Amino acid sequence: MPAPNERRHRANVACACDTGARKAVAVDPEIKVANRHRLRRIEGQIRGLQKMVESDRYCADIITQIASVQEALRGVARNLMRNHLRHCATQALRTGKKQEAQAMYDELLELIYAHLR
């Protein structure tokens, strides 16, 4: 569950479709397959990190592997952002509803600000 300040900053847009459960308007099959493969590799990397910690491996080696996992997760996030812009945001902005478009702009700005660091 997100922290209270995280909930406060979320835009009230459910990927341009308000069904109660926040779901994407559409997901490109290629992006979904790529993300699933990447997440499986990340899962393996995390298991490797656990073994490294359990076996008291050299700290710098563990940190290097952590950086690798973080970069892989950023790759998943980039794919998700690409899909979000292509489908969810595009639909919200094209509907012509000013309130929905403004909420999507706010959501996109929050995503960009939160993930530029």
PDB file of N, CA and C in Angstrom:
ATOM      1  N   MET A   1       0.849  -1.177   0.000  1.00  0.00           N
ATOM      2  CA  MET A   1       0.000   0.000   0.000  1.00  0.00           C
ATOM      3  C   MET A   1       0.890   1.233   0.000  1.00  0.00           C
ATOM      4  N   PRO A   2       0.612   2.230  -0.869  1.00  0.00           N
ATOM      5  CA  PRO A   2       1.445   3.419  -0.933  1.00  0.00           C
ATOM      6  C   PRO A   2       1.325   4.268   0.328  1.00  0.00           C
ATOM      7  N   ALA A   3       2.377   5.002   0.579  1.00  0.00           N
ATOM      8  CA  ALA A   3       2.369   5.923   1.718  1.00  0.00           C
ATOM      9  C   ALA A   3       1.333   7.011   1.473  1.00  0.00           C
ATOM     10  N   PRO A   4       0.833   7.643   2.553  1.00  0.00           N
ATOM     11  CA  PRO A   4      -0.206   8.676   2.386  1.00  0.00           C
ATOM     12  C   PRO A   4       0.211   9.788   1.437  1.00  0.00           C
ATOM     13  N   ASN A   5       1.471  10.234   1.494  1.00  0.00           N
ATOM     14  CA  ASN A   5       1.883  11.320   0.609  1.00  0.00           C
ATOM     15  C   ASN A   5       1.949  10.859  -0.841  1.00  0.00           C
ATOM     16  N   GLU A   6       2.174   9.541  -1.105  1.00  0.00           N
ATOM     17  CA  GLU A   6       2.166   9.039  -2.460  1.00  0.00           C
ATOM     18  C   GLU A   6       0.745   9.031  -3.012  1.00  0.00           C
ATOM     19  N   ARG A   7      -0.211   8.631  -2.189  1.00  0.00           N
ATOM     20  CA  ARG A   7      -1.601   8.609  -2.633  1.00  0.00           C
ATOM     21  C   ARG A   7      -2.091  10.006  -2.956  1.00  0.00           C
ATOM     22  N   ARG A   8      -1.642  10.979  -2.199  1.00  0.00           N
ATOM     23  CA  ARG A   8      -2.080  12.352  -2.392  1.00  0.00           C
ATOM     24  C   ARG A   8      -1.620  12.892  -3.745  1.00  0.00           C
ATOM     25  N   HIS A   9      -0.460  12.446  -4.236  1.00  0.00           N
ATOM     26  CA  HIS A   9       0.098  12.986  -5.463  1.00  0.00           C
ATOM     27  C   HIS A   9      -0.379  12.273  -6.723  1.00  0.00           C
ATOM     28  N   ARG A  10      -1.069  11.164  -6.581  1.00  0.00           N
ATOM     29  CA  ARG A  10      -1.534  10.451  -7.761  1.00  0.00           C
ATOM     30  C   ARG A  10      -2.658  11.219  -8.424  1.00  0.00           C
ATOM     31  N   ALA A  11      -2.583  11.301  -9.741  1.00  0.00           N
ATOM     32  CA  ALA A  11      -3.663  11.927 -10.494  1.00  0.00           C
ATOM     33  C   ALA A  11      -4.862  10.989 -10.494  1.00  0.00           C
ATOM     34  N   ASN A  12      -6.026  11.556 -10.613  1.00  0.00           N
ATOM     35  CA  ASN A  12      -7.245  10.758 -10.612  1.00  0.00           C
ATOM     36  C   ASN A  12      -7.581  10.278 -12.015  1.00  0.00           C
ATOM     37  N   VAL A  13      -6.624   9.616 -12.646  1.00  0.00           N
ATOM     38  CA  VAL A  13      -6.819   9.072 -13.975  1.00  0.00           C
ATOM     39  C   VAL A  13      -6.478   7.599 -13.910  1.00  0.00           C
ATOM     40  N   ALA A  14      -7.373   6.771 -14.385  1.00  0.00           N
ATOM     41  CA  ALA A  14      -7.138   5.334 -14.392  1.00  0.00           C
ATOM     42  C   ALA A  14      -6.796   4.907 -15.811  1.00  0.00           C
ATOM     43  N   CYS A  15      -5.690   5.413 -16.318  1.00  0.00           N
ATOM     44  CA  CYS A  15      -5.275   5.093 -17.681  1.00  0.00           C
ATOM     45  C   CYS A  15      -6.419   5.352 -18.649  1.00  0.00           C
ATOM     46  N   ALA A  16      -7.095   6.440 -18.476  1.00  0.00           N
ATOM     47  CA  ALA A  16      -8.165   6.902 -19.353  1.00  0.00           C
ATOM     48  C   ALA A  16      -9.413   6.026 -19.307  1.00  0.00           C
ATOM     49  N   CYS A  17      -9.464   5.072 -18.407  1.00  0.00           N
ATOM     50  CA  CYS A  17     -10.675   4.253 -18.297  1.00  0.00           C
ATOM     51  C   CYS A  17     -10.940   4.005 -16.823  1.00  0.00           C
ATOM     52  N   ASP A  18     -12.053   4.473 -16.336  1.00  0.00           N
ATOM     53  CA  ASP A  18     -12.351   4.368 -14.909  1.00  0.00           C
ATOM     54  C   ASP A  18     -13.229   3.156 -14.658  1.00  0.00           C
ATOM     55  N   THR A  19     -12.595   2.004 -14.448  1.00  0.00           N
ATOM     56  CA  THR A  19     -13.338   0.771 -14.207  1.00  0.00           C
ATOM     57  C   THR A  19     -13.231   0.337 -12.761  1.00  0.00           C
ATOM     58  N   GLY A  20     -12.640   1.149 -11.910  1.00  0.00           N
ATOM     59  CA  GLY A  20     -12.425   0.774 -10.521  1.00  0.00           C
ATOM     60  C   GLY A  20     -11.061   0.137 -10.340  1.00  0.00           C
ATOM     61  N   ALA A  21     -10.711  -0.812 -11.200  1.00  0.00           N
ATOM     62  CA  ALA A  21      -9.377  -1.413 -11.186  1.00  0.00           C
ATOM     63  C   ALA A  21      -8.559  -0.696 -12.253  1.00  0.00           C
ATOM     64  N   ARG A  22      -7.448  -0.143 -11.837  1.00  0.00           N
ATOM     65  CA  ARG A  22      -6.631   0.619 -12.781  1.00  0.00           C
ATOM     66  C   ARG A  22      -5.964  -0.343 -13.758  1.00  0.00           C
ATOM     67  N   LYS A  23      -6.409  -0.298 -15.008  1.00  0.00           N
ATOM     68  CA  LYS A  23      -5.851  -1.142 -16.053  1.00  0.00           C
ATOM     69  C   LYS A  23      -5.488  -0.267 -17.238  1.00  0.00           C
ATOM     70  N   ALA A  24      -4.526  -0.736 -18.003  1.00  0.00           N
ATOM     71  CA  ALA A  24      -4.093  -0.011 -19.187  1.00  0.00           C
ATOM     72  C   ALA A  24      -5.186  -0.041 -20.252  1.00  0.00           C
ATOM     73  N   VAL A  25      -5.247   1.013 -21.033  1.00  0.00           N
ATOM     74  CA  VAL A  25      -6.171   1.066 -22.161  1.00  0.00           C
ATOM     75  C   VAL A  25      -5.806  -0.035 -23.148  1.00  0.00           C
ATOM     76  N   ALA A  26      -4.510  -0.185 -23.407  1.00  0.00           N
ATOM     77  CA  ALA A  26      -4.004  -1.226 -24.300  1.00  0.00           C
ATOM     78  C   ALA A  26      -2.552  -1.484 -23.923  1.00  0.00           C
ATOM     79  N   VAL A  27      -2.069  -2.676 -24.235  1.00  0.00           N
ATOM     80  CA  VAL A  27      -0.674  -3.012 -23.985  1.00  0.00           C
ATOM     81  C   VAL A  27      -0.122  -3.624 -25.264  1.00  0.00           C
ATOM     82  N   ASP A  28       0.941  -3.021 -25.800  1.00  0.00           N
ATOM     83  CA  ASP A  28       1.575  -3.584 -26.982  1.00  0.00           C
ATOM     84  C   ASP A  28       2.133  -4.960 -26.634  1.00  0.00           C
ATOM     85  N   PRO A  29       1.794  -5.989 -27.421  1.00  0.00           N
ATOM     86  CA  PRO A  29       2.259  -7.350 -27.114  1.00  0.00           C
ATOM     87  C   PRO A  29       3.783  -7.452 -27.027  1.00  0.00           C
ATOM     88  N   GLU A  30       4.495  -6.719 -27.887  1.00  0.00           N
ATOM     89  CA  GLU A  30       5.958  -6.783 -27.868  1.00  0.00           C
ATOM     90  C   GLU A  30       6.514  -6.243 -26.555  1.00  0.00           C
ATOM     91  N   ILE A  31       5.915  -5.158 -26.065  1.00  0.00           N
ATOM     92  CA  ILE A  31       6.357  -4.561 -24.804  1.00  0.00           C
ATOM     93  C   ILE A  31       6.064  -5.509 -23.652  1.00  0.00           C
ATOM     94  N   LYS A  32       4.895  -6.130 -23.684  1.00  0.00           N
ATOM     95  CA  LYS A  32       4.537  -7.058 -22.609  1.00  0.00           C
ATOM     96  C   LYS A  32       5.508  -8.238 -22.568  1.00  0.00           C
ATOM     97  N   VAL A  33       5.804  -8.809 -23.717  1.00  0.00           N
ATOM     98  CA  VAL A  33       6.733  -9.947 -23.779  1.00  0.00           C
ATOM     99  C   VAL A  33       8.117  -9.519 -23.306  1.00  0.00           C
ATOM    100  N   ALA A  34       8.589  -8.371 -23.789  1.00  0.00           N
ATOM    101  CA  ALA A  34       9.913  -7.884 -23.387  1.00  0.00           C
ATOM    102  C   ALA A  34       9.975  -7.655 -21.877  1.00  0.00           C
ATOM    103  N   ASN A  35       8.927  -7.062 -21.321  1.00  0.00           N
ATOM    104  CA  ASN A  35       8.907  -6.804 -19.875  1.00  0.00           C
ATOM    105  C   ASN A  35       8.868  -8.107 -19.080  1.00  0.00           C
ATOM    106  N   ARG A  36       8.096  -9.068 -19.533  1.00  0.00           N
ATOM    107  CA  ARG A  36       8.031 -10.353 -18.820  1.00  0.00           C
ATOM    108  C   ARG A  36       9.394 -11.034 -18.821  1.00  0.00           C
ATOM    109  N   HIS A  37      10.076 -11.037 -19.969  1.00  0.00           N
ATOM    110  CA  HIS A  37      11.409 -11.642 -20.041  1.00  0.00           C
ATOM    111  C   HIS A  37      12.397 -10.903 -19.141  1.00  0.00           C
ATOM    112  N   ARG A  38      12.336  -9.578 -19.211  1.00  0.00           N
ATOM    113  CA  ARG A  38      13.258  -8.778 -18.402  1.00  0.00           C
ATOM    114  C   ARG A  38      13.002  -8.990 -16.911  1.00  0.00           C
ATOM    115  N   LEU A  39      11.751  -9.052 -16.525  1.00  0.00           N
ATOM    116  CA  LEU A  39      11.426  -9.264 -15.108  1.00  0.00           C
ATOM    117  C   LEU A  39      11.869 -10.646 -14.627  1.00  0.00           C
ATOM    118  N   ARG A  40      11.788 -11.640 -15.496  1.00  0.00           N
ATOM    119  CA  ARG A  40      12.293 -12.969 -15.108  1.00  0.00           C
ATOM    120  C   ARG A  40      13.811 -12.932 -14.895  1.00  0.00           C
ATOM    121  N   ARG A  41      14.518 -12.218 -15.771  1.00  0.00           N
ATOM    122  CA  ARG A  41      15.973 -12.077 -15.585  1.00  0.00           C
ATOM    123  C   ARG A  41      16.278 -11.337 -14.294  1.00  0.00           C
ATOM    124  N   ILE A  42      15.512 -10.294 -14.015  1.00  0.00           N
ATOM    125  CA  ILE A  42      15.709  -9.527 -12.782  1.00  0.00           C
ATOM    126  C   ILE A  42      15.463 -10.420 -11.575  1.00  0.00           C
ATOM    127  N   GLU A  43      14.439 -11.240 -11.655  1.00  0.00           N
ATOM    128  CA  GLU A  43      14.143 -12.173 -10.563  1.00  0.00           C
ATOM    129  C   GLU A  43      15.350 -13.073 -10.296  1.00  0.00           C
ATOM    130  N   GLY A  44      15.976 -13.547 -11.358  1.00  0.00           N
ATOM    131  CA  GLY A  44      17.174 -14.368 -11.208  1.00  0.00           C
ATOM    132  C   GLY A  44      18.333 -13.580 -10.615  1.00  0.00           C
ATOM    133  N   GLN A  45      18.457 -12.324 -11.048  1.00  0.00           N
ATOM    134  CA  GLN A  45      19.513 -11.479 -10.491  1.00  0.00           C
ATOM    135  C   GLN A  45      19.307 -11.262  -8.991  1.00  0.00           C
ATOM    136  N   ILE A  46      18.068 -11.089  -8.574  1.00  0.00           N
ATOM    137  CA  ILE A  46      17.767 -10.881  -7.153  1.00  0.00           C
ATOM    138  C   ILE A  46      18.127 -12.136  -6.363  1.00  0.00           C
ATOM    139  N   ARG A  47      17.777 -13.297  -6.896  1.00  0.00           N
ATOM    140  CA  ARG A  47      18.171 -14.540  -6.218  1.00  0.00           C
ATOM    141  C   ARG A  47      19.690 -14.632  -6.110  1.00  0.00           C
ATOM    142  N   GLY A  48      20.393 -14.226  -7.161  1.00  0.00           N
ATOM    143  CA  GLY A  48      21.852 -14.213  -7.121  1.00  0.00           C
ATOM    144  C   GLY A  48      22.375 -13.261  -6.060  1.00  0.00           C
ATOM    145  N   LEU A  49      21.734 -12.108  -5.939  1.00  0.00           N
ATOM    146  CA  LEU A  49      22.125 -11.149  -4.892  1.00  0.00           C
ATOM    147  C   LEU A  49      21.935 -11.736  -3.494  1.00  0.00           C
ATOM    148  N   GLN A  50      20.832 -12.430  -3.299  1.00  0.00           N
ATOM    149  CA  GLN A  50      20.594 -13.063  -2.002  1.00  0.00           C
ATOM    150  C   GLN A  50      21.703 -14.055  -1.669  1.00  0.00           C
ATOM    151  N   LYS A  51      22.099 -14.835  -2.650  1.00  0.00           N
ATOM    152  CA  LYS A  51      23.177 -15.806  -2.438  1.00  0.00           C
ATOM    153  C   LYS A  51      24.498 -15.101  -2.149  1.00  0.00           C
ATOM    154  N   MET A  52      24.734 -13.987  -2.853  1.00  0.00           N
ATOM    155  CA  MET A  52      25.966 -13.233  -2.621  1.00  0.00           C
ATOM    156  C   MET A  52      26.019 -12.715  -1.187  1.00  0.00           C
ATOM    157  N   VAL A  53      24.905 -12.198  -0.706  1.00  0.00           N
ATOM    158  CA  VAL A  53      24.845 -11.678   0.667  1.00  0.00           C
ATOM    159  C   VAL A  53      25.013 -12.822   1.666  1.00  0.00           C
ATOM    160  N   GLU A  54      24.302 -13.927   1.422  1.00  0.00           N
ATOM    161  CA  GLU A  54      24.399 -15.072   2.333  1.00  0.00           C
ATOM    162  C   GLU A  54      25.815 -15.633   2.414  1.00  0.00           C
ATOM    163  N   SER A  55      26.544 -15.567   1.306  1.00  0.00           N
ATOM    164  CA  SER A  55      27.898 -16.136   1.296  1.00  0.00           C
ATOM    165  C   SER A  55      28.982 -15.094   1.563  1.00  0.00           C
ATOM    166  N   ASP A  56      28.569 -13.926   2.064  1.00  0.00           N
ATOM    167  CA  ASP A  56      29.518 -12.861   2.444  1.00  0.00           C
ATOM    168  C   ASP A  56      30.453 -12.464   1.313  1.00  0.00           C
ATOM    169  N   ARG A  57      29.908 -12.325   0.115  1.00  0.00           N
ATOM    170  CA  ARG A  57      30.707 -11.894  -1.022  1.00  0.00           C
ATOM    171  C   ARG A  57      31.192 -10.469  -0.815  1.00  0.00           C
ATOM    172  N   TYR A  58      32.169 -10.071  -1.578  1.00  0.00           N
ATOM    173  CA  TYR A  58      32.789  -8.762  -1.498  1.00  0.00           C
ATOM    174  C   TYR A  58      31.732  -7.676  -1.738  1.00  0.00           C
ATOM    175  N   CYS A  59      31.676  -6.700  -0.853  1.00  0.00           N
ATOM    176  CA  CYS A  59      30.632  -5.659  -0.884  1.00  0.00           C
ATOM    177  C   CYS A  59      30.558  -4.939  -2.230  1.00  0.00           C
ATOM    178  N   ALA A  60      31.702  -4.604  -2.784  1.00  0.00           N
ATOM    179  CA  ALA A  60      31.718  -3.872  -4.060  1.00  0.00           C
ATOM    180  C   ALA A  60      31.089  -4.705  -5.172  1.00  0.00           C
ATOM    181  N   ASP A  61      31.290  -6.021  -5.134  1.00  0.00           N
ATOM    182  CA  ASP A  61      30.672  -6.888  -6.143  1.00  0.00           C
ATOM    183  C   ASP A  61      29.153  -6.907  -5.994  1.00  0.00           C
ATOM    184  N   ILE A  62      28.680  -6.927  -4.773  1.00  0.00           N
ATOM    185  CA  ILE A  62      27.231  -6.909  -4.517  1.00  0.00           C
ATOM    186  C   ILE A  62      26.635  -5.579  -4.992  1.00  0.00           C
ATOM    187  N   ILE A  63      27.319  -4.500  -4.673  1.00  0.00           N
ATOM    188  CA  ILE A  63      26.832  -3.173  -5.082  1.00  0.00           C
ATOM    189  C   ILE A  63      26.764  -3.079  -6.601  1.00  0.00           C
ATOM    190  N   THR A  64      27.749  -3.629  -7.281  1.00  0.00           N
ATOM    191  CA  THR A  64      27.749  -3.623  -8.749  1.00  0.00           C
ATOM    192  C   THR A  64      26.540  -4.388  -9.283  1.00  0.00           C
ATOM    193  N   GLN A  65      26.236  -5.513  -8.679  1.00  0.00           N
ATOM    194  CA  GLN A  65      25.080  -6.292  -9.111  1.00  0.00           C
ATOM    195  C   GLN A  65      23.767  -5.570  -8.808  1.00  0.00           C
ATOM    196  N   ILE A  66      23.712  -4.856  -7.701  1.00  0.00           N
ATOM    197  CA  ILE A  66      22.521  -4.068  -7.366  1.00  0.00           C
ATOM    198  C   ILE A  66      22.301  -2.990  -8.427  1.00  0.00           C
ATOM    199  N   ALA A  67      23.376  -2.338  -8.843  1.00  0.00           N
ATOM    200  CA  ALA A  67      23.272  -1.310  -9.890  1.00  0.00           C
ATOM    201  C   ALA A  67      22.742  -1.917 -11.188  1.00  0.00           C
ATOM    202  N   SER A  68      23.163  -3.130 -11.476  1.00  0.00           N
ATOM    203  CA  SER A  68      22.692  -3.814 -12.678  1.00  0.00           C
ATOM    204  C   SER A  68      21.183  -4.082 -12.598  1.00  0.00           C
ATOM    205  N   VAL A  69      20.707  -4.518 -11.448  1.00  0.00           N
ATOM    206  CA  VAL A  69      19.284  -4.760 -11.251  1.00  0.00           C
ATOM    207  C   VAL A  69      18.502  -3.456 -11.376  1.00  0.00           C
ATOM    208  N   GLN A  70      19.023  -2.391 -10.787  1.00  0.00           N
ATOM    209  CA  GLN A  70      18.333  -1.104 -10.859  1.00  0.00           C
ATOM    210  C   GLN A  70      18.202  -0.635 -12.310  1.00  0.00           C
ATOM    211  N   GLU A  71      19.259  -0.819 -13.096  1.00  0.00           N
ATOM    212  CA  GLU A  71      19.203  -0.411 -14.501  1.00  0.00           C
ATOM    213  C   GLU A  71      18.200  -1.271 -15.275  1.00  0.00           C
ATOM    214  N   ALA A  72      18.161  -2.550 -14.966  1.00  0.00           N
ATOM    215  CA  ALA A  72      17.187  -3.422 -15.624  1.00  0.00           C
ATOM    216  C   ALA A  72      15.755  -2.996 -15.279  1.00  0.00           C
ATOM    217  N   LEU A  73      15.519  -2.635 -14.030  1.00  0.00           N
ATOM    218  CA  LEU A  73      14.186  -2.146 -13.631  1.00  0.00           C
ATOM    219  C   LEU A  73      13.848  -0.834 -14.327  1.00  0.00           C
ATOM    220  N   ARG A  74      14.849   0.028 -14.493  1.00  0.00           N
ATOM    221  CA  ARG A  74      14.602   1.272 -15.237  1.00  0.00           C
ATOM    222  C   ARG A  74      14.199   0.964 -16.682  1.00  0.00           C
ATOM    223  N   GLY A  75      14.762  -0.093 -17.259  1.00  0.00           N
ATOM    224  CA  GLY A  75      14.376  -0.495 -18.608  1.00  0.00           C
ATOM    225  C   GLY A  75      12.920  -0.911 -18.676  1.00  0.00           C
ATOM    226  N   VAL A  76      12.466  -1.645 -17.686  1.00  0.00           N
ATOM    227  CA  VAL A  76      11.047  -2.027 -17.616  1.00  0.00           C
ATOM    228  C   VAL A  76      10.193  -0.760 -17.491  1.00  0.00           C
ATOM    229  N   ALA A  77      10.616   0.146 -16.640  1.00  0.00           N
ATOM    230  CA  ALA A  77       9.858   1.395 -16.449  1.00  0.00           C
ATOM    231  C   ALA A  77       9.792   2.206 -17.744  1.00  0.00           C
ATOM    232  N   ARG A  78      10.892   2.241 -18.502  1.00  0.00           N
ATOM    233  CA  ARG A  78      10.876   2.962 -19.784  1.00  0.00           C
ATOM    234  C   ARG A  78       9.868   2.334 -20.743  1.00  0.00           C
ATOM    235  N   ASN A  79       9.841   0.996 -20.801  1.00  0.00           N
ATOM    236  CA  ASN A  79       8.863   0.326 -21.660  1.00  0.00           C
ATOM    237  C   ASN A  79       7.445   0.632 -21.220  1.00  0.00           C
ATOM    238  N   LEU A  80       7.215   0.615 -19.921  1.00  0.00           N
ATOM    239  CA  LEU A  80       5.881   0.924 -19.413  1.00  0.00           C
ATOM    240  C   LEU A  80       5.491   2.367 -19.719  1.00  0.00           C
ATOM    241  N   MET A  81       6.447   3.276 -19.593  1.00  0.00           N
ATOM    242  CA  MET A  81       6.166   4.682 -19.914  1.00  0.00           C
ATOM    243  C   MET A  81       5.838   4.832 -21.399  1.00  0.00           C
ATOM    244  N   ARG A  82       6.579   4.139 -22.232  1.00  0.00           N
ATOM    245  CA  ARG A  82       6.318   4.182 -23.680  1.00  0.00           C
ATOM    246  C   ARG A  82       4.887   3.718 -23.959  1.00  0.00           C
ATOM    247  N   ASN A  83       4.491   2.600 -23.357  1.00  0.00           N
ATOM    248  CA  ASN A  83       3.144   2.084 -23.555  1.00  0.00           C
ATOM    249  C   ASN A  83       2.104   3.053 -22.991  1.00  0.00           C
ATOM    250  N   HIS A  84       2.382   3.609 -21.819  1.00  0.00           N
ATOM    251  CA  HIS A  84       1.445   4.539 -21.182  1.00  0.00           C
ATOM    252  C   HIS A  84       1.231   5.766 -22.069  1.00  0.00           C
ATOM    253  N   LEU A  85       2.306   6.292 -22.617  1.00  0.00           N
ATOM    254  CA  LEU A  85       2.179   7.462 -23.495  1.00  0.00           C
ATOM    255  C   LEU A  85       1.438   7.112 -24.784  1.00  0.00           C
ATOM    256  N   ARG A  86       1.760   5.963 -25.345  1.00  0.00           N
ATOM    257  CA  ARG A  86       1.189   5.561 -26.629  1.00  0.00           C
ATOM    258  C   ARG A  86      -0.316   5.287 -26.523  1.00  0.00           C
ATOM    259  N   HIS A  87      -0.756   4.743 -25.409  1.00  0.00           N
ATOM    260  CA  HIS A  87      -2.151   4.317 -25.321  1.00  0.00           C
ATOM    261  C   HIS A  87      -2.950   5.121 -24.290  1.00  0.00           C
ATOM    262  N   CYS A  88      -2.597   4.980 -23.027  1.00  0.00           N
ATOM    263  CA  CYS A  88      -3.396   5.569 -21.949  1.00  0.00           C
ATOM    264  C   CYS A  88      -3.432   7.099 -22.030  1.00  0.00           C
ATOM    265  N   ALA A  89      -2.247   7.693 -22.102  1.00  0.00           N
ATOM    266  CA  ALA A  89      -2.183   9.157 -22.134  1.00  0.00           C
ATOM    267  C   ALA A  89      -2.807   9.694 -23.413  1.00  0.00           C
ATOM    268  N   THR A  90      -2.501   9.060 -24.529  1.00  0.00           N
ATOM    269  CA  THR A  90      -3.045   9.516 -25.807  1.00  0.00           C
ATOM    270  C   THR A  90      -4.564   9.514 -25.778  1.00  0.00           C
ATOM    271  N   GLN A  91      -5.164   8.456 -25.257  1.00  0.00           N
ATOM    272  CA  GLN A  91      -6.622   8.398 -25.200  1.00  0.00           C
ATOM    273  C   GLN A  91      -7.185   9.479 -24.282  1.00  0.00           C
ATOM    274  N   ALA A  92      -6.557   9.666 -23.133  1.00  0.00           N
ATOM    275  CA  ALA A  92      -7.050  10.680 -22.191  1.00  0.00           C
ATOM    276  C   ALA A  92      -6.959  12.074 -22.787  1.00  0.00           C
ATOM    277  N   LEU A  93      -5.896  12.347 -23.521  1.00  0.00           N
ATOM    278  CA  LEU A  93      -5.709  13.678 -24.096  1.00  0.00           C
ATOM    279  C   LEU A  93      -6.593  13.902 -25.318  1.00  0.00           C
ATOM    280  N   ARG A  94      -6.934  12.854 -26.020  1.00  0.00           N
ATOM    281  CA  ARG A  94      -7.761  12.987 -27.231  1.00  0.00           C
ATOM    282  C   ARG A  94      -9.260  13.012 -26.948  1.00  0.00           C
ATOM    283  N   THR A  95      -9.666  12.670 -25.741  1.00  0.00           N
ATOM    284  CA  THR A  95     -11.104  12.612 -25.453  1.00  0.00           C
ATOM    285  C   THR A  95     -11.762  13.972 -25.537  1.00  0.00           C
ATOM    286  N   GLY A  96     -10.991  15.016 -25.356  1.00  0.00           N
ATOM    287  CA  GLY A  96     -11.553  16.358 -25.386  1.00  0.00           C
ATOM    288  C   GLY A  96     -12.113  16.818 -24.057  1.00  0.00           C
ATOM    289  N   LYS A  97     -12.099  15.939 -23.062  1.00  0.00           N
ATOM    290  CA  LYS A  97     -12.582  16.304 -21.735  1.00  0.00           C
ATOM    291  C   LYS A  97     -11.447  17.014 -21.000  1.00  0.00           C
ATOM    292  N   LYS A  98     -11.663  18.272 -20.708  1.00  0.00           N
ATOM    293  CA  LYS A  98     -10.605  19.092 -20.122  1.00  0.00           C
ATOM    294  C   LYS A  98     -10.110  18.542 -18.785  1.00  0.00           C
ATOM    295  N   GLN A  99     -11.025  18.114 -17.931  1.00  0.00           N
ATOM    296  CA  GLN A  99     -10.632  17.620 -16.604  1.00  0.00           C
ATOM    297  C   GLN A  99      -9.795  16.342 -16.727  1.00  0.00           C
ATOM    298  N   GLU A 100     -10.191  15.440 -17.626  1.00  0.00           N
ATOM    299  CA  GLU A 100      -9.439  14.195 -17.820  1.00  0.00           C
ATOM    300  C   GLU A 100      -8.061  14.475 -18.413  1.00  0.00           C
ATOM    301  N   ALA A 101      -8.008  15.390 -19.360  1.00  0.00           N
ATOM    302  CA  ALA A 101      -6.716  15.746 -19.964  1.00  0.00           C
ATOM    303  C   ALA A 101      -5.799  16.384 -18.924  1.00  0.00           C
ATOM    304  N   GLN A 102      -6.327  17.270 -18.108  1.00  0.00           N
ATOM    305  CA  GLN A 102      -5.510  17.919 -17.082  1.00  0.00           C
ATOM    306  C   GLN A 102      -5.003  16.906 -16.063  1.00  0.00           C
ATOM    307  N   ALA A 103      -5.856  15.972 -15.682  1.00  0.00           N
ATOM    308  CA  ALA A 103      -5.428  14.927 -14.744  1.00  0.00           C
ATOM    309  C   ALA A 103      -4.307  14.086 -15.350  1.00  0.00           C
ATOM    310  N   MET A 104      -4.391  13.813 -16.650  1.00  0.00           N
ATOM    311  CA  MET A 104      -3.344  13.030 -17.299  1.00  0.00           C
ATOM    312  C   MET A 104      -2.041  13.829 -17.367  1.00  0.00           C
ATOM    313  N   TYR A 105      -2.119  15.109 -17.694  1.00  0.00           N
ATOM    314  CA  TYR A 105      -0.911  15.950 -17.686  1.00  0.00           C
ATOM    315  C   TYR A 105      -0.264  15.914 -16.302  1.00  0.00           C
ATOM    316  N   ASP A 106      -1.075  16.051 -15.276  1.00  0.00           N
ATOM    317  CA  ASP A 106      -0.552  16.030 -13.905  1.00  0.00           C
ATOM    318  C   ASP A 106       0.102  14.679 -13.596  1.00  0.00           C
ATOM    319  N   GLU A 107      -0.558  13.601 -14.002  1.00  0.00           N
ATOM    320  CA  GLU A 107      -0.001  12.273 -13.767  1.00  0.00           C
ATOM    321  C   GLU A 107       1.337  12.110 -14.480  1.00  0.00           C
ATOM    322  N   LEU A 108       1.400  12.543 -15.731  1.00  0.00           N
ATOM    323  CA  LEU A 108       2.653  12.428 -16.491  1.00  0.00           C
ATOM    324  C   LEU A 108       3.770  13.239 -15.856  1.00  0.00           C
ATOM    325  N   LEU A 109       3.456  14.443 -15.418  1.00  0.00           N
ATOM    326  CA  LEU A 109       4.473  15.265 -14.754  1.00  0.00           C
ATOM    327  C   LEU A 109       4.965  14.599 -13.479  1.00  0.00           C
ATOM    328  N   GLU A 110       4.052  14.043 -12.694  1.00  0.00           N
ATOM    329  CA  GLU A 110       4.452  13.344 -11.470  1.00  0.00           C
ATOM    330  C   GLU A 110       5.365  12.167 -11.787  1.00  0.00           C
ATOM    331  N   LEU A 111       5.017  11.404 -12.820  1.00  0.00           N
ATOM    332  CA  LEU A 111       5.856  10.276 -13.217  1.00  0.00           C
ATOM    333  C   LEU A 111       7.245  10.738 -13.640  1.00  0.00           C
ATOM    334  N   ILE A 112       7.280  11.771 -14.436  1.00  0.00           N
ATOM    335  CA  ILE A 112       8.577  12.295 -14.913  1.00  0.00           C
ATOM    336  C   ILE A 112       9.398  12.826 -13.750  1.00  0.00           C
ATOM    337  N   TYR A 113       8.809  13.632 -12.899  1.00  0.00           N
ATOM    338  CA  TYR A 113       9.549  14.195 -11.761  1.00  0.00           C
ATOM    339  C   TYR A 113      10.038  13.102 -10.811  1.00  0.00           C
ATOM    340  N   ALA A 114       9.202  12.092 -10.581  1.00  0.00           N
ATOM    341  CA  ALA A 114       9.555  11.032  -9.637  1.00  0.00           C
ATOM    342  C   ALA A 114      10.655  10.128 -10.172  1.00  0.00           C
ATOM    343  N   HIS A 115      10.756  10.000 -11.499  1.00  0.00           N
ATOM    344  CA  HIS A 115      11.670   9.015 -12.047  1.00  0.00           C
ATOM    345  C   HIS A 115      12.848   9.611 -12.799  1.00  0.00           C
ATOM    346  N   LEU A 116      13.028  10.924 -12.747  1.00  0.00           N
ATOM    347  CA  LEU A 116      14.180  11.548 -13.386  1.00  0.00           C
ATOM    348  C   LEU A 116      15.434  11.432 -12.550  1.00  0.00           C
ATOM    349  N   ARG A 117      15.294  11.134 -11.279  1.00  0.00           N
ATOM    350  CA  ARG A 117      16.466  11.078 -10.403  1.00  0.00           C
ATOM    351  C   ARG A 117      17.267   9.832 -10.591  1.00  0.00           C
TER     352      ARG A 117
END
